[in-house]
Amino acid sequence: IARFAEREGIELIAEFVEVETGKGADALDRRPVL
């Protein structure tokens, strides 16, 4: 992501890291970081 942003001249204003556990975690209410 950093290389891509630098190449395209995009400023990354924030970074979010999500750690999921188990299956079926695609619902947005189970992806709070997203």
PDB file of all heavy atoms in Angstrom:
ATOM      1  N   ILE A   1       0.829  -1.212   0.000  1.00  0.00           N
ATOM      2  CA  ILE A   1       0.000   0.000   0.000  1.00  0.00           C
ATOM      3  C   ILE A   1       0.858   1.255   0.000  1.00  0.00           C
ATOM      4  O   ILE A   1       0.586   2.215  -0.724  1.00  0.00           O
ATOM      5  CB  ILE A   1      -0.950  -0.011   1.209  1.00  0.00           C
ATOM      6  CG1 ILE A   1      -1.981  -1.131   1.070  1.00  0.00           C
ATOM      7  CG2 ILE A   1      -1.653   1.338   1.362  1.00  0.00           C
ATOM      8  CD1 ILE A   1      -2.854  -1.327   2.291  1.00  0.00           C
ATOM      9  N   ALA A   2       1.932   1.249   0.791  1.00  0.00           N
ATOM     10  CA  ALA A   2       2.807   2.422   0.875  1.00  0.00           C
ATOM     11  C   ALA A   2       3.477   2.702  -0.467  1.00  0.00           C
ATOM     12  O   ALA A   2       3.546   3.864  -0.904  1.00  0.00           O
ATOM     13  CB  ALA A   2       3.860   2.210   1.963  1.00  0.00           C
ATOM     14  N   ARG A   3       3.981   1.659  -1.114  1.00  0.00           N
ATOM     15  CA  ARG A   3       4.622   1.847  -2.428  1.00  0.00           C
ATOM     16  C   ARG A   3       3.620   2.375  -3.446  1.00  0.00           C
ATOM     17  O   ARG A   3       3.935   3.264  -4.245  1.00  0.00           O
ATOM     18  CB  ARG A   3       5.215   0.521  -2.921  1.00  0.00           C
ATOM     19  CG  ARG A   3       6.495   0.098  -2.210  1.00  0.00           C
ATOM     20  CD  ARG A   3       7.297  -0.861  -3.083  1.00  0.00           C
ATOM     21  NE  ARG A   3       6.442  -1.923  -3.604  1.00  0.00           N
ATOM     22  CZ  ARG A   3       6.308  -3.122  -3.041  1.00  0.00           C
ATOM     23  NH1 ARG A   3       6.951  -3.404  -1.922  1.00  0.00           N
ATOM     24  NH2 ARG A   3       5.518  -4.034  -3.575  1.00  0.00           N
ATOM     25  N   PHE A   4       2.419   1.818  -3.425  1.00  0.00           N
ATOM     26  CA  PHE A   4       1.388   2.249  -4.362  1.00  0.00           C
ATOM     27  C   PHE A   4       1.035   3.719  -4.130  1.00  0.00           C
ATOM     28  O   PHE A   4       0.956   4.499  -5.086  1.00  0.00           O
ATOM     29  CB  PHE A   4       0.148   1.365  -4.191  1.00  0.00           C
ATOM     30  CG  PHE A   4      -1.039   1.836  -4.982  1.00  0.00           C
ATOM     31  CD1 PHE A   4      -1.154   1.530  -6.324  1.00  0.00           C
ATOM     32  CD2 PHE A   4      -2.039   2.582  -4.376  1.00  0.00           C
ATOM     33  CE1 PHE A   4      -2.250   1.968  -7.055  1.00  0.00           C
ATOM     34  CE2 PHE A   4      -3.132   3.027  -5.096  1.00  0.00           C
ATOM     35  CZ  PHE A   4      -3.239   2.719  -6.442  1.00  0.00           C
ATOM     36  N   ALA A   5       0.806   4.086  -2.877  1.00  0.00           N
ATOM     37  CA  ALA A   5       0.434   5.465  -2.568  1.00  0.00           C
ATOM     38  C   ALA A   5       1.535   6.443  -2.980  1.00  0.00           C
ATOM     39  O   ALA A   5       1.252   7.520  -3.529  1.00  0.00           O
ATOM     40  CB  ALA A   5       0.127   5.597  -1.076  1.00  0.00           C
ATOM     41  N   GLU A   6       2.777   6.082  -2.727  1.00  0.00           N
ATOM     42  CA  GLU A   6       3.893   6.956  -3.102  1.00  0.00           C
ATOM     43  C   GLU A   6       3.970   7.119  -4.616  1.00  0.00           C
ATOM     44  O   GLU A   6       4.178   8.230  -5.128  1.00  0.00           O
ATOM     45  CB  GLU A   6       5.200   6.381  -2.563  1.00  0.00           C
ATOM     46  CG  GLU A   6       6.417   7.252  -2.866  1.00  0.00           C
ATOM     47  CD  GLU A   6       7.695   6.674  -2.297  1.00  0.00           C
ATOM     48  OE1 GLU A   6       7.657   5.552  -1.738  1.00  0.00           O
ATOM     49  OE2 GLU A   6       8.736   7.346  -2.406  1.00  0.00           O
ATOM     50  N   ARG A   7       3.782   6.017  -5.320  1.00  0.00           N
ATOM     51  CA  ARG A   7       3.857   6.058  -6.788  1.00  0.00           C
ATOM     52  C   ARG A   7       2.752   6.922  -7.385  1.00  0.00           C
ATOM     53  O   ARG A   7       2.956   7.628  -8.380  1.00  0.00           O
ATOM     54  CB  ARG A   7       3.768   4.631  -7.338  1.00  0.00           C
ATOM     55  CG  ARG A   7       3.929   4.552  -8.864  1.00  0.00           C
ATOM     56  CD  ARG A   7       4.035   3.123  -9.330  1.00  0.00           C
ATOM     57  NE  ARG A   7       2.811   2.368  -9.080  1.00  0.00           N
ATOM     58  CZ  ARG A   7       2.695   1.382  -8.220  1.00  0.00           C
ATOM     59  NH1 ARG A   7       3.725   1.034  -7.472  1.00  0.00           N
ATOM     60  NH2 ARG A   7       1.560   0.737  -8.060  1.00  0.00           N
ATOM     61  N   GLU A   8       1.564   6.861  -6.771  1.00  0.00           N
ATOM     62  CA  GLU A   8       0.416   7.605  -7.302  1.00  0.00           C
ATOM     63  C   GLU A   8       0.280   9.005  -6.703  1.00  0.00           C
ATOM     64  O   GLU A   8      -0.638   9.744  -7.062  1.00  0.00           O
ATOM     65  CB  GLU A   8      -0.873   6.813  -7.041  1.00  0.00           C
ATOM     66  CG  GLU A   8      -0.917   5.441  -7.701  1.00  0.00           C
ATOM     67  CD  GLU A   8      -0.931   5.517  -9.216  1.00  0.00           C
ATOM     68  OE1 GLU A   8      -1.345   6.578  -9.746  1.00  0.00           O
ATOM     69  OE2 GLU A   8      -0.534   4.538  -9.870  1.00  0.00           O
ATOM     70  N   GLY A   9       1.164   9.368  -5.764  1.00  0.00           N
ATOM     71  CA  GLY A   9       1.096  10.677  -5.148  1.00  0.00           C
ATOM     72  C   GLY A   9      -0.083  10.848  -4.207  1.00  0.00           C
ATOM     73  O   GLY A   9      -0.673  11.928  -4.109  1.00  0.00           O
ATOM     74  N   ILE A  10      -0.444   9.778  -3.512  1.00  0.00           N
ATOM     75  CA  ILE A  10      -1.581   9.800  -2.596  1.00  0.00           C
ATOM     76  C   ILE A  10      -1.071   9.837  -1.150  1.00  0.00           C
ATOM     77  O   ILE A  10      -0.192   9.074  -0.775  1.00  0.00           O
ATOM     78  CB  ILE A  10      -2.471   8.554  -2.795  1.00  0.00           C
ATOM     79  CG1 ILE A  10      -3.032   8.529  -4.221  1.00  0.00           C
ATOM     80  CG2 ILE A  10      -3.604   8.525  -1.775  1.00  0.00           C
ATOM     81  CD1 ILE A  10      -3.798   7.261  -4.549  1.00  0.00           C
ATOM     82  N   GLU A  11      -1.635  10.714  -0.346  1.00  0.00           N
ATOM     83  CA  GLU A  11      -1.276  10.798   1.065  1.00  0.00           C
ATOM     84  C   GLU A  11      -2.152   9.853   1.882  1.00  0.00           C
ATOM     85  O   GLU A  11      -3.384   9.916   1.807  1.00  0.00           O
ATOM     86  CB  GLU A  11      -1.477  12.232   1.569  1.00  0.00           C
ATOM     87  CG  GLU A  11      -1.191  12.387   3.065  1.00  0.00           C
ATOM     88  CD  GLU A  11      -1.640  13.720   3.613  1.00  0.00           C
ATOM     89  OE1 GLU A  11      -2.218  14.517   2.826  1.00  0.00           O
ATOM     90  OE2 GLU A  11      -1.441  13.959   4.830  1.00  0.00           O
ATOM     91  N   LEU A  12      -1.530   8.977   2.651  1.00  0.00           N
ATOM     92  CA  LEU A  12      -2.264   8.076   3.527  1.00  0.00           C
ATOM     93  C   LEU A  12      -2.514   8.795   4.852  1.00  0.00           C
ATOM     94  O   LEU A  12      -1.583   9.067   5.609  1.00  0.00           O
ATOM     95  CB  LEU A  12      -1.481   6.787   3.762  1.00  0.00           C
ATOM     96  CG  LEU A  12      -1.241   5.922   2.517  1.00  0.00           C
ATOM     97  CD1 LEU A  12      -0.353   4.731   2.861  1.00  0.00           C
ATOM     98  CD2 LEU A  12      -2.560   5.451   1.906  1.00  0.00           C
ATOM     99  N   ILE A  13      -3.765   9.112   5.121  1.00  0.00           N
ATOM    100  CA  ILE A  13      -4.080   9.908   6.307  1.00  0.00           C
ATOM    101  C   ILE A  13      -4.354   9.039   7.532  1.00  0.00           C
ATOM    102  O   ILE A  13      -4.381   9.538   8.660  1.00  0.00           O
ATOM    103  CB  ILE A  13      -5.287  10.831   6.057  1.00  0.00           C
ATOM    104  CG1 ILE A  13      -6.535  10.011   5.725  1.00  0.00           C
ATOM    105  CG2 ILE A  13      -4.976  11.818   4.940  1.00  0.00           C
ATOM    106  CD1 ILE A  13      -7.808  10.845   5.666  1.00  0.00           C
ATOM    107  N   ALA A  14      -4.564   7.741   7.334  1.00  0.00           N
ATOM    108  CA  ALA A  14      -4.826   6.841   8.455  1.00  0.00           C
ATOM    109  C   ALA A  14      -4.627   5.406   8.011  1.00  0.00           C
ATOM    110  O   ALA A  14      -4.719   5.097   6.816  1.00  0.00           O
ATOM    111  CB  ALA A  14      -6.247   7.028   8.997  1.00  0.00           C
ATOM    112  N   GLU A  15      -4.314   4.551   8.980  1.00  0.00           N
ATOM    113  CA  GLU A  15      -4.178   3.115   8.718  1.00  0.00           C
ATOM    114  C   GLU A  15      -5.023   2.345   9.724  1.00  0.00           C
ATOM    115  O   GLU A  15      -4.993   2.630  10.922  1.00  0.00           O
ATOM    116  CB  GLU A  15      -2.720   2.673   8.822  1.00  0.00           C
ATOM    117  CG  GLU A  15      -2.529   1.169   8.635  1.00  0.00           C
ATOM    118  CD  GLU A  15      -1.120   0.708   8.937  1.00  0.00           C
ATOM    119  OE1 GLU A  15      -0.230   0.974   8.098  1.00  0.00           O
ATOM    120  OE2 GLU A  15      -0.902   0.096  10.012  1.00  0.00           O
ATOM    121  N   PHE A  16      -5.752   1.363   9.244  1.00  0.00           N
ATOM    122  CA  PHE A  16      -6.593   0.538  10.101  1.00  0.00           C
ATOM    123  C   PHE A  16      -6.237  -0.930   9.878  1.00  0.00           C
ATOM    124  O   PHE A  16      -6.135  -1.386   8.733  1.00  0.00           O
ATOM    125  CB  PHE A  16      -8.071   0.769   9.796  1.00  0.00           C
ATOM    126  CG  PHE A  16      -8.544   2.157  10.140  1.00  0.00           C
ATOM    127  CD1 PHE A  16      -8.452   3.187   9.206  1.00  0.00           C
ATOM    128  CD2 PHE A  16      -9.046   2.436  11.398  1.00  0.00           C
ATOM    129  CE1 PHE A  16      -8.875   4.470   9.512  1.00  0.00           C
ATOM    130  CE2 PHE A  16      -9.472   3.721  11.722  1.00  0.00           C
ATOM    131  CZ  PHE A  16      -9.384   4.733  10.790  1.00  0.00           C
ATOM    132  N   VAL A  17      -6.046  -1.654  10.969  1.00  0.00           N
ATOM    133  CA  VAL A  17      -5.672  -3.068  10.913  1.00  0.00           C
ATOM    134  C   VAL A  17      -6.750  -3.891  11.596  1.00  0.00           C
ATOM    135  O   VAL A  17      -7.062  -3.673  12.770  1.00  0.00           O
ATOM    136  CB  VAL A  17      -4.313  -3.321  11.590  1.00  0.00           C
ATOM    137  CG1 VAL A  17      -3.972  -4.809  11.559  1.00  0.00           C
ATOM    138  CG2 VAL A  17      -3.218  -2.505  10.904  1.00  0.00           C
ATOM    139  N   GLU A  18      -7.314  -4.835  10.866  1.00  0.00           N
ATOM    140  CA  GLU A  18      -8.378  -5.694  11.394  1.00  0.00           C
ATOM    141  C   GLU A  18      -7.846  -7.112  11.560  1.00  0.00           C
ATOM    142  O   GLU A  18      -7.214  -7.662  10.665  1.00  0.00           O
ATOM    143  CB  GLU A  18      -9.568  -5.712  10.434  1.00  0.00           C
ATOM    144  CG  GLU A  18     -10.786  -6.426  10.967  1.00  0.00           C
ATOM    145  CD  GLU A  18     -11.986  -5.499  11.070  1.00  0.00           C
ATOM    146  OE1 GLU A  18     -12.377  -4.930  10.028  1.00  0.00           O
ATOM    147  OE2 GLU A  18     -12.518  -5.336  12.168  1.00  0.00           O
ATOM    148  N   VAL A  19      -8.121  -7.693  12.728  1.00  0.00           N
ATOM    149  CA  VAL A  19      -7.789  -9.094  12.988  1.00  0.00           C
ATOM    150  C   VAL A  19      -9.084  -9.841  13.230  1.00  0.00           C
ATOM    151  O   VAL A  19      -9.787  -9.578  14.207  1.00  0.00           O
ATOM    152  CB  VAL A  19      -6.854  -9.248  14.201  1.00  0.00           C
ATOM    153  CG1 VAL A  19      -6.553 -10.721  14.457  1.00  0.00           C
ATOM    154  CG2 VAL A  19      -5.564  -8.478  13.976  1.00  0.00           C
ATOM    155  N   GLU A  20      -9.404 -10.756  12.318  1.00  0.00           N
ATOM    156  CA  GLU A  20     -10.634 -11.525  12.447  1.00  0.00           C
ATOM    157  C   GLU A  20     -10.352 -12.864  13.109  1.00  0.00           C
ATOM    158  O   GLU A  20      -9.237 -13.389  13.044  1.00  0.00           O
ATOM    159  CB  GLU A  20     -11.257 -11.786  11.072  1.00  0.00           C
ATOM    160  CG  GLU A  20     -11.775 -10.549  10.399  1.00  0.00           C
ATOM    161  CD  GLU A  20     -12.381 -10.867   9.058  1.00  0.00           C
ATOM    162  OE1 GLU A  20     -12.458 -12.057   8.697  1.00  0.00           O
ATOM    163  OE2 GLU A  20     -12.749  -9.931   8.358  1.00  0.00           O
ATOM    164  N   THR A  21     -11.376 -13.431  13.708  1.00  0.00           N
ATOM    165  CA  THR A  21     -11.291 -14.782  14.246  1.00  0.00           C
ATOM    166  C   THR A  21     -12.502 -15.560  13.783  1.00  0.00           C
ATOM    167  O   THR A  21     -13.617 -15.065  13.827  1.00  0.00           O
ATOM    168  CB  THR A  21     -11.272 -14.781  15.787  1.00  0.00           C
ATOM    169  OG1 THR A  21     -12.441 -14.103  16.257  1.00  0.00           O
ATOM    170  CG2 THR A  21     -10.039 -14.088  16.318  1.00  0.00           C
ATOM    171  N   GLY A  22     -12.255 -16.791  13.309  1.00  0.00           N
ATOM    172  CA  GLY A  22     -13.355 -17.647  12.895  1.00  0.00           C
ATOM    173  C   GLY A  22     -13.891 -17.298  11.529  1.00  0.00           C
ATOM    174  O   GLY A  22     -13.399 -16.419  10.832  1.00  0.00           O
ATOM    175  N   LYS A  23     -14.936 -18.032  11.138  1.00  0.00           N
ATOM    176  CA  LYS A  23     -15.528 -17.867   9.811  1.00  0.00           C
ATOM    177  C   LYS A  23     -16.736 -16.943   9.878  1.00  0.00           C
ATOM    178  O   LYS A  23     -17.230 -16.593  10.928  1.00  0.00           O
ATOM    179  CB  LYS A  23     -15.951 -19.231   9.257  1.00  0.00           C
ATOM    180  CG  LYS A  23     -14.799 -20.189   9.047  1.00  0.00           C
ATOM    181  CD  LYS A  23     -15.302 -21.504   8.487  1.00  0.00           C
ATOM    182  CE  LYS A  23     -14.156 -22.485   8.263  1.00  0.00           C
ATOM    183  NZ  LYS A  23     -14.635 -23.773   7.732  1.00  0.00           N
ATOM    184  N   GLY A  24     -17.228 -16.597   8.692  1.00  0.00           N
ATOM    185  CA  GLY A  24     -18.438 -15.802   8.614  1.00  0.00           C
ATOM    186  C   GLY A  24     -18.286 -14.400   9.135  1.00  0.00           C
ATOM    187  O   GLY A  24     -19.236 -13.829   9.674  1.00  0.00           O
ATOM    188  N   ALA A  25     -17.105 -13.800   9.019  1.00  0.00           N
ATOM    189  CA  ALA A  25     -16.871 -12.472   9.590  1.00  0.00           C
ATOM    190  C   ALA A  25     -16.966 -11.377   8.539  1.00  0.00           C
ATOM    191  O   ALA A  25     -16.362 -10.337   8.671  1.00  0.00           O
ATOM    192  CB  ALA A  25     -15.510 -12.437  10.269  1.00  0.00           C
ATOM    193  N   ASP A  26     -17.742 -11.601   7.461  1.00  0.00           N
ATOM    194  CA  ASP A  26     -17.830 -10.608   6.403  1.00  0.00           C
ATOM    195  C   ASP A  26     -18.888  -9.545   6.661  1.00  0.00           C
ATOM    196  O   ASP A  26     -18.911  -8.525   5.998  1.00  0.00           O
ATOM    197  CB  ASP A  26     -18.097 -11.278   5.051  1.00  0.00           C
ATOM    198  CG  ASP A  26     -16.799 -11.708   4.386  1.00  0.00           C
ATOM    199  OD1 ASP A  26     -15.772 -11.092   4.674  1.00  0.00           O
ATOM    200  OD2 ASP A  26     -16.823 -12.654   3.586  1.00  0.00           O
ATOM    201  N   ALA A  27     -19.828  -9.791   7.576  1.00  0.00           N
ATOM    202  CA  ALA A  27     -20.819  -8.770   7.891  1.00  0.00           C
ATOM    203  C   ALA A  27     -20.125  -7.571   8.521  1.00  0.00           C
ATOM    204  O   ALA A  27     -19.245  -7.719   9.360  1.00  0.00           O
ATOM    205  CB  ALA A  27     -21.875  -9.329   8.838  1.00  0.00           C
ATOM    206  N   LEU A  28     -20.530  -6.368   8.103  1.00  0.00           N
ATOM    207  CA  LEU A  28     -19.829  -5.161   8.537  1.00  0.00           C
ATOM    208  C   LEU A  28     -19.900  -4.974  10.046  1.00  0.00           C
ATOM    209  O   LEU A  28     -18.974  -4.436  10.648  1.00  0.00           O
ATOM    210  CB  LEU A  28     -20.401  -3.935   7.823  1.00  0.00           C
ATOM    211  CG  LEU A  28     -19.596  -2.634   7.961  1.00  0.00           C
ATOM    212  CD1 LEU A  28     -18.174  -2.830   7.456  1.00  0.00           C
ATOM    213  CD2 LEU A  28     -20.280  -1.510   7.199  1.00  0.00           C
ATOM    214  N   ASP A  29     -20.998  -5.461  10.680  1.00  0.00           N
ATOM    215  CA  ASP A  29     -21.084  -5.304  12.125  1.00  0.00           C
ATOM    216  C   ASP A  29     -20.111  -6.217  12.854  1.00  0.00           C
ATOM    217  O   ASP A  29     -19.900  -6.077  14.058  1.00  0.00           O
ATOM    218  CB  ASP A  29     -22.517  -5.560  12.624  1.00  0.00           C
ATOM    219  CG  ASP A  29     -23.038  -6.933  12.255  1.00  0.00           C
ATOM    220  OD1 ASP A  29     -22.318  -7.675  11.556  1.00  0.00           O
ATOM    221  OD2 ASP A  29     -24.164  -7.265  12.660  1.00  0.00           O
ATOM    222  N   ARG A  30     -19.491  -7.163  12.121  1.00  0.00           N
ATOM    223  CA  ARG A  30     -18.462  -8.014  12.704  1.00  0.00           C
ATOM    224  C   ARG A  30     -17.084  -7.604  12.201  1.00  0.00           C
ATOM    225  O   ARG A  30     -16.105  -8.307  12.442  1.00  0.00           O
ATOM    226  CB  ARG A  30     -18.741  -9.481  12.371  1.00  0.00           C
ATOM    227  CG  ARG A  30     -20.088  -9.942  12.895  1.00  0.00           C
ATOM    228  CD  ARG A  30     -20.410 -11.353  12.518  1.00  0.00           C
ATOM    229  NE  ARG A  30     -19.534 -12.308  13.162  1.00  0.00           N
ATOM    230  CZ  ARG A  30     -19.638 -13.630  13.001  1.00  0.00           C
ATOM    231  NH1 ARG A  30     -20.574 -14.122  12.209  1.00  0.00           N
ATOM    232  NH2 ARG A  30     -18.819 -14.448  13.615  1.00  0.00           N
ATOM    233  N   ARG A  31     -17.036  -6.475  11.497  1.00  0.00           N
ATOM    234  CA  ARG A  31     -15.768  -5.909  11.032  1.00  0.00           C
ATOM    235  C   ARG A  31     -15.707  -4.465  11.526  1.00  0.00           C
ATOM    236  O   ARG A  31     -15.750  -3.523  10.726  1.00  0.00           O
ATOM    237  CB  ARG A  31     -15.694  -5.956   9.501  1.00  0.00           C
ATOM    238  CG  ARG A  31     -15.795  -7.345   8.880  1.00  0.00           C
ATOM    239  CD  ARG A  31     -14.455  -8.001   8.698  1.00  0.00           C
ATOM    240  NE  ARG A  31     -13.696  -7.330   7.657  1.00  0.00           N
ATOM    241  CZ  ARG A  31     -13.790  -7.612   6.350  1.00  0.00           C
ATOM    242  NH1 ARG A  31     -14.611  -8.538   5.925  1.00  0.00           N
ATOM    243  NH2 ARG A  31     -13.051  -6.968   5.481  1.00  0.00           N
ATOM    244  N   PRO A  32     -15.604  -4.250  12.834  1.00  0.00           N
ATOM    245  CA  PRO A  32     -15.676  -2.893  13.386  1.00  0.00           C
ATOM    246  C   PRO A  32     -14.565  -1.979  12.902  1.00  0.00           C
ATOM    247  O   PRO A  32     -14.762  -0.765  12.783  1.00  0.00           O
ATOM    248  CB  PRO A  32     -15.598  -3.113  14.899  1.00  0.00           C
ATOM    249  CG  PRO A  32     -14.926  -4.449  15.054  1.00  0.00           C
ATOM    250  CD  PRO A  32     -15.392  -5.258  13.889  1.00  0.00           C
ATOM    251  N   VAL A  33     -13.384  -2.539  12.631  1.00  0.00           N
ATOM    252  CA  VAL A  33     -12.275  -1.692  12.181  1.00  0.00           C
ATOM    253  C   VAL A  33     -12.545  -1.184  10.769  1.00  0.00           C
ATOM    254  O   VAL A  33     -12.257  -0.018  10.446  1.00  0.00           O
ATOM    255  CB  VAL A  33     -10.947  -2.468  12.246  1.00  0.00           C
ATOM    256  CG1 VAL A  33      -9.801  -1.617  11.702  1.00  0.00           C
ATOM    257  CG2 VAL A  33     -10.647  -2.895  13.673  1.00  0.00           C
ATOM    258  N   LEU A  34     -13.118  -2.026   9.915  1.00  0.00           N
ATOM    259  CA  LEU A  34     -13.485  -1.570   8.579  1.00  0.00           C
ATOM    260  C   LEU A  34     -14.555  -0.492   8.657  1.00  0.00           C
ATOM    261  O   LEU A  34     -14.508   0.493   7.906  1.00  0.00           O
ATOM    262  CB  LEU A  34     -13.981  -2.747   7.734  1.00  0.00           C
ATOM    263  CG  LEU A  34     -14.448  -2.405   6.315  1.00  0.00           C
ATOM    264  CD1 LEU A  34     -13.356  -1.687   5.534  1.00  0.00           C
ATOM    265  CD2 LEU A  34     -14.896  -3.664   5.576  1.00  0.00           C
TER     266      LEU A  34
END
